[in-house]
Amino acid sequence: MEIESTDSFKLKSSREKELQGLLHKGMFRVLDSITVPASARVYGTRWVDATKTLSNGKKTLKSRLVARNFKDRGAEDIPTPSQTISRVAQRVVIALCANLPGQTYVGDVSQA
């Protein structure tokens, strides 16, 4: 994605927000290269930036810091499947919620 210079402040803010959120949740620690144990598995990272359109039509920048572990010597030992709900299952859940008594709540997990 090509970003104009006028958006550089927004991009920096977006990346800072992502980084602070990950640090706050304890996803990683910042260490000096001298203090990293020899047995540690160190991953490289890169930024993935995207323009998102909000429900009100306003555009905003969204940044994600992603790990680059394709060179990791033990990557095959880490399970990576992440199950997601199918469209059919989504519609069944919505139909059940519409026809059963009670209230239905929807939420989103930030930085999931």
Protein backbone atom coordinates (compact mmCIF):
# COMPACT_ATOMS: atom_id res chain seq x y z
CA MET A 1 0.00 0.00 0.00
CA GLU A 2 1.39 3.38 -0.94
CA ILE A 3 0.92 6.07 1.69
CA GLU A 4 1.06 9.77 0.95
CA SER A 5 3.25 11.99 3.11
CA THR A 6 0.15 13.72 4.54
CA ASP A 7 -0.84 10.38 6.09
CA SER A 8 2.56 9.75 7.70
CA PHE A 9 1.39 11.07 11.08
CA LYS A 10 -1.73 8.87 10.98
CA LEU A 11 0.39 5.89 9.98
CA LYS A 12 2.82 6.49 12.84
CA SER A 13 -0.11 6.81 15.27
CA SER A 14 -1.70 3.61 13.95
CA ARG A 15 1.54 1.68 14.37
CA GLU A 16 2.12 3.13 17.83
CA LYS A 17 -1.39 2.12 18.91
CA GLU A 18 -0.80 -1.46 17.69
CA LEU A 19 2.60 -1.69 19.38
CA GLN A 20 1.36 -0.29 22.71
CA GLY A 21 -1.63 -2.66 22.66
CA LEU A 22 0.62 -5.68 22.14
CA LEU A 23 3.03 -4.57 24.87
CA HIS A 24 0.14 -3.90 27.27
CA LYS A 25 -1.24 -7.41 26.67
CA GLY A 26 2.18 -8.95 27.33
CA MET A 27 2.56 -10.37 23.82
CA PHE A 28 6.29 -9.73 23.85
CA ARG A 29 9.07 -7.90 25.63
CA VAL A 30 11.71 -5.59 24.25
CA LEU A 31 15.20 -6.84 25.11
CA ASP A 32 18.75 -5.89 24.27
CA SER A 33 20.35 -8.40 21.94
CA ILE A 34 22.95 -9.07 24.64
CA THR A 35 20.33 -10.28 27.17
CA VAL A 36 18.55 -12.71 24.80
CA PRO A 37 19.23 -16.32 25.89
CA ALA A 38 20.95 -18.52 23.32
CA SER A 39 18.01 -20.95 23.41
CA ALA A 40 15.45 -18.22 22.59
CA ARG A 41 13.52 -18.31 19.33
CA VAL A 42 13.69 -14.78 17.93
CA TYR A 43 11.28 -13.84 15.15
CA GLY A 44 11.55 -11.00 12.71
CA THR A 45 8.52 -8.78 12.20
CA ARG A 46 7.04 -6.53 9.58
CA TRP A 47 4.20 -4.02 9.42
CA VAL A 48 1.03 -4.64 7.45
CA ASP A 49 -0.86 -1.39 6.89
CA ALA A 50 -4.32 -1.10 5.40
CA THR A 51 -6.97 1.54 4.86
CA LYS A 52 -10.27 0.58 6.48
CA THR A 53 -13.66 2.18 5.88
CA LEU A 54 -15.69 2.68 9.05
CA SER A 55 -19.46 2.27 9.24
CA ASN A 56 -19.87 6.05 8.92
CA GLY A 57 -17.90 6.05 5.65
CA LYS A 58 -14.77 7.63 7.13
CA LYS A 59 -11.45 6.04 6.13
CA THR A 60 -8.83 5.19 8.72
CA LEU A 61 -5.42 3.54 8.71
CA LYS A 62 -5.04 0.19 10.47
CA SER A 63 -1.64 -1.32 11.24
CA ARG A 64 -0.72 -4.83 12.31
CA LEU A 65 2.67 -6.07 13.44
CA VAL A 66 3.10 -9.60 12.14
CA ALA A 67 5.74 -12.20 12.98
CA ARG A 68 7.88 -13.60 10.21
CA ASN A 69 8.63 -17.09 11.43
CA PHE A 70 9.01 -18.80 8.06
CA LYS A 71 12.74 -19.17 8.78
CA ASP A 72 12.17 -20.62 12.26
CA ARG A 73 13.88 -23.95 12.72
CA GLY A 74 11.07 -25.26 14.96
CA ALA A 75 8.06 -23.80 13.13
CA GLU A 76 6.73 -27.22 12.16
CA ASP A 77 6.24 -28.01 15.87
CA ILE A 78 3.81 -25.12 16.38
CA PRO A 79 0.15 -25.88 15.58
CA THR A 80 -1.31 -23.12 13.37
CA PRO A 81 -4.90 -24.02 12.46
CA SER A 82 -7.39 -21.33 13.41
CA GLN A 83 -10.96 -22.43 13.01
CA THR A 84 -13.54 -19.93 11.81
CA ILE A 85 -17.28 -20.27 11.58
CA SER A 86 -18.73 -21.05 8.14
CA ARG A 87 -21.43 -18.90 6.51
CA VAL A 88 -23.97 -21.69 6.96
CA ALA A 89 -23.19 -21.94 10.68
CA GLN A 90 -23.42 -18.14 11.01
CA ARG A 91 -26.90 -18.18 9.48
CA VAL A 92 -28.04 -21.05 11.72
CA VAL A 93 -26.89 -19.14 14.82
CA ILE A 94 -28.62 -15.95 13.65
CA ALA A 95 -31.84 -17.87 12.90
CA LEU A 96 -31.77 -19.50 16.34
CA CYS A 97 -31.17 -16.17 18.05
CA ALA A 98 -34.05 -14.59 16.14
CA ASN A 99 -36.47 -17.36 17.14
CA LEU A 100 -35.47 -18.00 20.76
CA PRO A 101 -36.51 -15.81 23.68
CA GLY A 102 -33.92 -13.53 25.24
CA GLN A 103 -31.42 -11.03 23.99
CA THR A 104 -28.45 -11.54 21.69
CA TYR A 105 -25.20 -9.64 22.08
CA VAL A 106 -22.45 -9.26 19.50
CA GLY A 107 -18.88 -8.27 20.25
CA ASP A 108 -15.51 -7.90 18.63
CA VAL A 109 -12.08 -8.71 20.01
CA SER A 110 -9.56 -5.98 19.34
CA GLN A 111 -6.12 -7.20 18.21
CA ALA A 112 -7.33 -10.78 17.91
